[in-house]
Amino acid sequence: MPDLYELLGVARDASSDDVKKAYRRAAREHHPDAGGDEETFKKVTHAYQVLSDPEKRARYDRFGDDGTPGTRGGDPFSGFGGAGFGGIGDVIDAFFGSAFGGGGGAGRGPQRAQPGRDVLVPTELTLEQIASGVHREIEVEVASGCDVCGGSGSASGAPAAACGQCGGAGQVQKVVRTAFGQLATAAPCAACRGSGRTVSDPCTGCGGDGRTVQRRSYTVDIPAGVDEGDRLRVAGAGEAGRQGAPSGDLYVEVRIAEHELFERDGRDLLAEVSVPVTQAALGGTVTVPTVHGDDVEVEVPAGTQPGAVLRVRQAGLPGHGGGRRGDLRLLVRVLVPTDLDGEQRDLLQQLAELRGEHLASQGRGLFTRLREAFR
């Protein structure tokens, strides 16, 4: 199954409104009645089915589980009339903008209170925090229930009544002519702003909306082993619904800060370690730090070559939900001295003579010895 975001042509951080607009464009282009390809239409509809549902979208972002066979089973186009998509009326709503009265128009009766929107907040973590887990304070400015009226929108606390403009439908309809014939299109009611409910005595604190923008703070428990792009859900901490409707959810998305020493490769960590040429030849130990706050002694075997990899078992990161840690892999860089004094140079020359190695400074460089070899 292709990437669902690419199918709709939206970024991974696209809002729910952007997803819906993108689906409308794609549906008009690929609908079979408009000369489009039926299979492509099914695929973009399935992408909308997943990305328009916060829980399905979070699961897809984290695990790639879009509900198609091979992930959870089932028909990838079973959203028509099935769970999670709300039936054919929702497709018509997204495709035609609530045409035919199927997307919440007067033909469906009074509209249910719409829950508030979900809120996505990124948070940046260091590798040290990912190694151990962290409690993170998250602050967000979000439409919250009005403190004056308790979220009802009414100064007296009286419940909201059906809007007199739209009869509680939340939408007003008009008939237009299109290439498909006459269609009944619907738009949100201006009087109730699409909620289908109004109050007779609006609250002075929120103007009858039941919400005011407030700064909220939440403590989010981020477990060890999370990865880039993981999302943690705080139920009910999103935008409050209008006039007492349920709140949306808050999603905290993980971003990993660049580290000065380590790079992440799944549960393993990668780093470089510099070893003097004498130690690489003779062997020894080097001390290296870890993301867990301690230092470890690493053995350098005699004869270690540049580019060799030394492995420190279980000095990496834990996986999701704990379990065995990954390893720390160290790429060896051999340090060649550049500031030799006279005595050190003499010792190296003696070593070269003992090993039968001819130095360029002795007048027989590489090209000289090659010419001599072919005479």
Protein backbone atom coordinates (compact mmCIF):
# COMPACT_ATOMS: atom_id res chain seq x y z
CA MET A 1 0.00 0.00 0.00
CA PRO A 2 1.50 3.38 -0.97
CA ASP A 3 2.13 6.01 1.68
CA LEU A 4 -1.27 7.47 2.61
CA TYR A 5 0.06 11.02 2.93
CA GLU A 6 1.53 10.81 -0.59
CA LEU A 7 -1.77 9.47 -1.95
CA LEU A 8 -3.57 12.59 -0.71
CA GLY A 9 -0.64 14.92 -1.43
CA VAL A 10 -0.37 16.31 2.11
CA ALA A 11 2.46 16.69 4.61
CA ARG A 12 2.68 14.39 7.62
CA ASP A 13 1.76 17.27 9.92
CA ALA A 14 -1.26 18.33 7.86
CA SER A 15 -4.30 19.42 9.83
CA SER A 16 -7.62 17.57 9.64
CA ASP A 17 -9.00 20.40 7.49
CA ASP A 18 -6.05 20.07 5.07
CA VAL A 19 -6.65 16.31 4.83
CA LYS A 20 -10.33 16.83 4.06
CA LYS A 21 -9.61 19.49 1.40
CA ALA A 22 -7.00 17.26 -0.22
CA TYR A 23 -9.46 14.36 -0.30
CA ARG A 24 -12.14 16.49 -1.94
CA ARG A 25 -9.71 17.44 -4.71
CA ALA A 26 -8.54 13.86 -5.20
CA ALA A 27 -12.08 12.44 -5.11
CA ARG A 28 -13.29 14.84 -7.78
CA GLU A 29 -10.31 13.96 -9.96
CA HIS A 30 -10.53 10.16 -9.62
CA HIS A 31 -14.27 9.52 -9.16
CA PRO A 32 -15.42 7.01 -11.83
CA ASP A 33 -18.45 9.16 -12.73
CA ALA A 34 -16.04 11.95 -13.67
CA GLY A 35 -13.93 9.66 -15.87
CA GLY A 36 -11.44 8.75 -13.14
CA ASP A 37 -9.92 5.40 -12.19
CA GLU A 38 -12.05 3.43 -9.70
CA GLU A 39 -9.08 1.72 -7.99
CA THR A 40 -7.32 5.05 -7.43
CA PHE A 41 -10.56 6.50 -6.07
CA LYS A 42 -10.80 3.59 -3.62
CA LYS A 43 -7.21 4.12 -2.49
CA VAL A 44 -7.58 7.86 -1.82
CA THR A 45 -10.85 7.19 -0.01
CA HIS A 46 -9.13 4.63 2.19
CA ALA A 47 -6.31 7.13 2.86
CA TYR A 48 -8.91 9.68 3.98
CA GLN A 49 -10.61 7.02 6.13
CA VAL A 50 -7.37 6.51 8.08
CA LEU A 51 -5.96 10.05 8.21
CA SER A 52 -9.26 11.69 9.18
CA ASP A 53 -9.53 9.52 12.31
CA PRO A 54 -7.06 10.68 15.04
CA GLU A 55 -6.57 7.22 16.58
CA LYS A 56 -6.15 5.46 13.22
CA ARG A 57 -3.81 8.20 12.05
CA ALA A 58 -1.69 7.96 15.22
CA ARG A 59 -1.48 4.17 14.81
CA TYR A 60 -0.50 4.56 11.16
CA ASP A 61 2.17 7.20 11.97
CA ARG A 62 3.66 4.99 14.65
CA PHE A 63 3.34 1.48 13.25
CA GLY A 64 2.38 1.88 9.59
CA ASP A 65 -0.88 0.06 10.36
CA ASP A 66 -3.49 1.39 7.93
CA GLY A 67 -5.98 -1.46 8.29
CA THR A 68 -5.20 -3.09 4.94
CA PRO A 69 -4.62 -6.85 4.59
CA GLY A 70 -1.24 -7.78 5.97
CA THR A 71 -1.49 -5.34 8.88
CA ARG A 72 -4.82 -5.95 10.61
CA GLY A 73 -6.83 -7.73 7.91
CA GLY A 74 -10.11 -6.76 6.34
CA ASP A 75 -11.19 -5.02 3.17
CA PRO A 76 -9.26 -1.81 2.53
CA PHE A 77 -12.44 -0.26 1.19
CA SER A 78 -14.72 -1.54 3.94
CA GLY A 79 -15.08 2.00 5.30
CA PHE A 80 -18.30 2.46 3.33
CA GLY A 81 -20.89 1.91 6.00
CA GLY A 82 -18.28 0.37 8.31
CA ALA A 83 -16.68 1.38 11.60
CA GLY A 84 -14.52 4.47 11.68
CA PHE A 85 -15.83 6.14 8.52
CA GLY A 86 -19.45 6.72 9.37
CA GLY A 87 -20.97 5.34 6.15
CA ILE A 88 -21.45 6.52 2.59
CA GLY A 89 -22.77 9.86 3.79
CA ASP A 90 -19.33 10.85 5.04
CA VAL A 91 -17.79 10.11 1.64
CA ILE A 92 -20.44 12.22 -0.04
CA ASP A 93 -19.80 14.93 2.53
CA ALA A 94 -16.08 15.01 1.80
CA PHE A 95 -16.53 14.67 -1.97
CA PHE A 96 -19.32 17.16 -2.64
CA GLY A 97 -19.19 19.35 0.47
CA SER A 98 -22.24 17.79 2.16
CA ALA A 99 -24.20 17.32 -1.03
CA PHE A 100 -27.51 15.42 -1.31
CA GLY A 101 -28.26 16.22 2.32
CA GLY A 102 -26.11 13.21 3.25
CA GLY A 103 -23.40 15.11 5.10
CA GLY A 104 -25.28 16.59 8.01
CA GLY A 105 -28.00 18.64 6.28
CA ALA A 106 -31.58 19.06 7.37
CA GLY A 107 -32.50 15.60 6.13
CA ARG A 108 -30.57 14.12 9.05
CA GLY A 109 -32.32 16.03 11.78
CA PRO A 110 -30.69 17.93 14.63
CA GLN A 111 -26.92 17.73 14.54
CA ARG A 112 -25.02 16.16 17.38
CA ALA A 113 -22.62 18.33 19.32
CA GLN A 114 -19.26 18.28 17.58
CA PRO A 115 -16.27 17.46 19.80
CA GLY A 116 -13.33 19.81 19.87
CA ARG A 117 -10.38 19.34 17.56
CA ASP A 118 -7.27 17.38 18.47
CA VAL A 119 -4.09 19.33 19.18
CA LEU A 120 -0.58 18.25 18.11
CA VAL A 121 2.44 19.57 20.04
CA PRO A 122 6.08 18.60 19.29
CA THR A 123 8.58 18.07 22.08
CA GLU A 124 12.35 17.66 21.66
CA LEU A 125 14.21 15.01 23.65
CA THR A 126 17.89 14.22 24.07
CA LEU A 127 19.24 10.71 23.68
CA GLU A 128 19.91 10.68 27.42
CA GLN A 129 16.21 11.34 28.08
CA ILE A 130 15.18 8.65 25.60
CA ALA A 131 17.50 6.20 27.34
CA SER A 132 15.83 6.64 30.72
CA GLY A 133 12.37 8.08 30.00
CA VAL A 134 11.27 11.49 31.18
CA HIS A 135 8.35 13.45 32.64
CA ARG A 136 7.84 16.43 30.32
CA GLU A 137 5.80 19.54 31.10
CA ILE A 138 3.78 20.47 28.03
CA GLU A 139 2.23 23.93 27.74
CA VAL A 140 -0.35 24.65 25.09
CA GLU A 141 -2.71 27.51 24.25
CA VAL A 142 -6.03 25.93 23.43
CA ALA A 143 -9.74 26.70 23.43
CA SER A 144 -10.87 25.46 26.84
CA GLY A 145 -14.18 25.40 28.64
CA CYS A 146 -15.22 28.88 29.80
CA ASP A 147 -14.66 29.35 33.53
CA VAL A 148 -17.56 31.83 33.78
CA CYS A 149 -20.37 29.64 32.42
CA GLY A 150 -18.77 26.24 32.93
CA GLY A 151 -18.68 25.63 29.18
CA SER A 152 -22.43 25.91 28.58
CA GLY A 153 -22.21 29.25 26.77
CA SER A 154 -25.25 30.51 28.69
CA ALA A 155 -25.09 33.22 31.36
CA SER A 156 -27.86 31.47 33.33
CA GLY A 157 -26.60 27.95 32.65
CA ALA A 158 -29.70 27.13 30.60
CA PRO A 159 -29.11 24.44 27.94
CA ALA A 160 -28.67 25.47 24.32
CA ALA A 161 -31.72 25.14 22.05
CA ALA A 162 -32.02 24.26 18.37
CA CYS A 163 -30.88 27.10 16.12
CA GLY A 164 -33.82 29.01 14.63
CA GLN A 165 -31.90 29.68 11.41
CA CYS A 166 -31.16 26.06 10.43
CA GLY A 167 -33.60 24.17 12.65
CA GLY A 168 -30.77 22.44 14.49
CA ALA A 169 -29.15 20.95 11.38
CA GLY A 170 -26.08 23.15 11.65
CA GLN A 171 -26.21 23.70 7.89
CA VAL A 172 -28.22 25.57 5.29
CA GLN A 173 -28.78 24.06 1.86
CA LYS A 174 -29.16 25.26 -1.67
CA VAL A 175 -29.62 23.46 -4.98
CA VAL A 176 -27.01 23.95 -7.70
CA ARG A 177 -26.57 22.54 -11.18
CA THR A 178 -23.38 20.56 -11.84
CA ALA A 179 -22.05 18.11 -14.41
CA PHE A 180 -23.70 15.40 -12.33
CA GLY A 181 -27.12 17.05 -12.42
CA GLN A 182 -28.84 18.93 -9.64
CA LEU A 183 -27.11 18.65 -6.30
CA ALA A 184 -28.15 19.91 -2.91
CA THR A 185 -25.06 21.49 -1.39
CA ALA A 186 -24.83 22.57 2.20
CA ALA A 187 -22.75 25.15 4.09
CA PRO A 188 -22.32 25.72 7.84
CA CYS A 189 -25.03 27.86 9.34
CA ALA A 190 -23.73 31.36 10.09
CA ALA A 191 -26.06 31.87 13.03
CA CYS A 192 -24.87 28.89 15.09
CA ARG A 193 -21.48 28.44 13.33
CA GLY A 194 -22.39 24.90 12.37
CA SER A 195 -23.24 23.61 15.85
CA GLY A 196 -27.01 23.55 15.33
CA ARG A 197 -27.48 25.00 18.85
CA THR A 198 -27.74 28.53 20.19
CA VAL A 199 -28.25 30.08 23.62
CA SER A 200 -30.76 32.83 24.39
CA ASP A 201 -28.55 34.58 26.96
CA PRO A 202 -24.92 34.35 25.81
CA CYS A 203 -22.25 34.31 28.52
CA THR A 204 -20.28 37.55 28.80
CA GLY A 205 -17.05 35.61 29.26
CA CYS A 206 -17.17 33.64 26.02
CA GLY A 207 -19.95 35.27 23.97
CA GLY A 208 -22.04 32.08 24.01
CA ASP A 209 -19.35 29.82 22.55
CA GLY A 210 -18.66 28.03 25.83
CA ARG A 211 -14.90 28.31 25.25
CA THR A 212 -12.07 30.76 25.76
CA VAL A 213 -8.43 30.46 24.72
CA GLN A 214 -6.33 29.53 27.75
CA ARG A 215 -2.80 28.35 28.46
CA ARG A 216 -2.83 24.86 29.91
CA SER A 217 0.00 22.78 31.35
CA TYR A 218 0.14 18.97 31.35
CA THR A 219 2.72 16.53 32.67
CA VAL A 220 3.31 13.81 30.09
CA ASP A 221 5.08 10.58 30.99
CA ILE A 222 7.35 9.75 28.05
CA PRO A 223 8.64 6.17 28.34
CA ALA A 224 12.18 5.08 27.53
CA GLY A 225 12.88 3.91 23.99
CA VAL A 226 10.57 6.24 22.06
CA ASP A 227 11.53 7.08 18.49
CA GLU A 228 11.36 10.07 16.17
CA GLY A 229 7.74 10.81 15.24
CA ASP A 230 6.15 8.76 18.02
CA ARG A 231 2.97 10.34 19.40
CA LEU A 232 1.67 10.11 22.94
CA ARG A 233 -2.04 10.78 23.54
CA VAL A 234 -3.46 12.78 26.43
CA ALA A 235 -7.20 12.09 26.29
CA GLY A 236 -9.49 15.11 26.60
CA ALA A 237 -6.65 17.64 26.69
CA GLY A 238 -7.30 19.03 23.21
CA GLU A 239 -9.66 21.75 22.12
CA ALA A 240 -12.92 21.94 24.06
CA GLY A 241 -16.14 21.44 22.10
CA ARG A 242 -18.59 24.33 21.73
CA GLN A 243 -21.31 24.73 24.34
CA GLY A 244 -20.25 21.77 26.45
CA ALA A 245 -19.45 19.30 23.67
CA PRO A 246 -16.63 16.77 24.40
CA SER A 247 -13.02 17.89 24.12
CA GLY A 248 -10.53 16.60 21.59
CA ASP A 249 -7.25 14.98 22.52
CA LEU A 250 -3.70 16.29 22.88
CA TYR A 251 -0.98 14.45 20.96
CA VAL A 252 2.66 14.99 21.94
CA GLU A 253 5.00 14.18 19.04
CA VAL A 254 8.61 13.19 19.76
CA ARG A 255 11.50 14.98 18.11
CA ILE A 256 15.08 13.83 18.79
CA ALA A 257 17.75 16.49 19.31
CA GLU A 258 21.07 16.12 17.52
CA HIS A 259 23.75 14.75 19.86
CA GLU A 260 27.37 15.90 19.86
CA LEU A 261 28.74 12.37 20.28
CA PHE A 262 26.17 9.75 19.30
CA GLU A 263 23.95 8.90 16.36
CA ARG A 264 20.99 6.57 16.67
CA ASP A 265 20.53 3.40 14.62
CA GLY A 266 17.42 1.75 16.04
CA ARG A 267 18.36 0.63 19.54
CA ASP A 268 22.10 0.89 18.77
CA LEU A 269 24.18 4.04 19.15
CA LEU A 270 27.06 4.98 16.86
CA ALA A 271 30.13 7.03 17.78
CA GLU A 272 33.79 7.51 16.85
CA VAL A 273 36.76 6.82 19.10
CA SER A 274 40.31 8.08 18.48
CA VAL A 275 43.16 5.67 19.24
CA PRO A 276 46.91 6.54 19.14
CA VAL A 277 48.80 4.61 16.49
CA THR A 278 50.96 2.96 19.16
CA GLN A 279 47.90 1.74 21.06
CA ALA A 280 46.28 0.49 17.86
CA ALA A 281 49.45 -1.52 17.15
CA LEU A 282 50.15 -2.80 20.66
CA GLY A 283 46.64 -2.94 22.13
CA GLY A 284 45.22 -1.29 25.24
CA THR A 285 42.02 0.27 26.56
CA VAL A 286 40.14 3.52 26.02
CA THR A 287 37.50 5.15 28.22
CA VAL A 288 34.28 6.28 26.53
CA PRO A 289 31.10 7.90 27.92
CA THR A 290 27.61 6.46 27.48
CA VAL A 291 24.14 8.00 27.33
CA HIS A 292 23.40 6.36 30.67
CA GLY A 293 25.75 8.74 32.51
CA ASP A 294 28.64 6.38 33.18
CA ASP A 295 31.98 5.70 31.50
CA VAL A 296 33.08 2.29 30.24
CA GLU A 297 36.51 0.82 29.55
CA VAL A 298 36.76 -0.56 26.01
CA GLU A 299 39.50 -3.00 25.00
CA VAL A 300 41.46 -2.14 21.86
CA PRO A 301 42.94 -5.37 20.48
CA ALA A 302 46.55 -5.32 19.25
CA GLY A 303 46.70 -4.67 15.53
CA THR A 304 43.42 -2.73 15.37
CA GLN A 305 43.07 -1.11 11.94
CA PRO A 306 41.53 2.27 11.03
CA GLY A 307 37.81 1.80 10.40
CA ALA A 308 37.48 -1.16 12.73
CA VAL A 309 34.33 -1.25 14.87
CA LEU A 310 34.46 -1.93 18.61
CA ARG A 311 31.20 -3.00 20.23
CA VAL A 312 30.04 -2.29 23.79
CA ARG A 313 27.19 -4.65 24.60
CA GLN A 314 23.94 -3.18 26.00
CA ALA A 315 25.27 0.39 26.14
CA GLY A 316 22.64 1.58 23.65
CA LEU A 317 18.94 2.40 24.00
CA PRO A 318 16.03 0.24 25.20
CA GLY A 319 13.30 -0.74 22.80
CA HIS A 320 9.64 0.23 23.08
CA GLY A 321 8.26 -1.01 26.36
CA GLY A 322 11.69 -1.83 27.78
CA GLY A 323 13.55 -5.04 27.00
CA ARG A 324 17.19 -5.56 26.15
CA ARG A 325 19.23 -2.50 25.33
CA GLY A 326 20.98 -2.09 22.03
CA ASP A 327 24.77 -1.80 21.70
CA LEU A 328 27.23 1.07 21.42
CA ARG A 329 29.27 0.70 18.21
CA LEU A 330 32.56 2.63 18.07
CA LEU A 331 34.27 3.42 14.77
CA VAL A 332 38.05 3.50 15.28
CA ARG A 333 40.06 6.48 14.06
CA VAL A 334 43.81 5.90 14.33
CA LEU A 335 45.73 9.04 15.30
CA VAL A 336 49.01 9.44 13.41
CA PRO A 337 51.42 11.79 15.26
CA THR A 338 52.37 14.99 13.45
CA ASP A 339 54.62 16.67 16.02
CA LEU A 340 57.48 14.18 16.47
CA ASP A 341 60.69 15.39 18.10
CA GLY A 342 64.08 14.13 17.04
CA GLU A 343 64.25 11.18 19.42
CA GLN A 344 60.77 9.98 18.49
CA ARG A 345 61.59 10.23 14.78
CA ASP A 346 64.78 8.19 15.30
CA LEU A 347 62.83 5.49 17.14
CA LEU A 348 60.30 5.24 14.33
CA GLN A 349 63.07 5.01 11.76
CA GLN A 350 64.68 2.21 13.75
CA LEU A 351 61.33 0.41 13.85
CA ALA A 352 60.98 0.79 10.08
CA GLU A 353 64.48 -0.67 9.56
CA LEU A 354 63.75 -3.61 11.85
CA ARG A 355 60.57 -4.32 9.86
CA GLY A 356 62.32 -3.91 6.52
CA GLU A 357 60.23 -0.90 5.59
CA HIS A 358 61.94 1.70 3.40
CA LEU A 359 61.09 5.32 4.09
CA ALA A 360 60.77 7.99 1.41
CA SER A 361 63.31 10.12 3.27
CA GLN A 362 65.99 7.47 2.62
CA GLY A 363 65.90 8.25 -1.07
CA ARG A 364 63.99 5.16 -2.21
CA GLY A 365 60.37 6.15 -2.39
CA LEU A 366 57.50 4.14 -3.81
CA PHE A 367 58.08 4.97 -7.47
CA THR A 368 61.83 4.31 -7.15
CA ARG A 369 61.19 0.84 -5.75
CA LEU A 370 58.60 0.12 -8.46
CA ARG A 371 61.11 1.01 -11.21
CA GLU A 372 63.73 -1.22 -9.58
CA ALA A 373 61.26 -4.11 -9.34
CA PHE A 374 60.58 -4.09 -13.13
CA ARG A 375 64.21 -3.87 -14.30
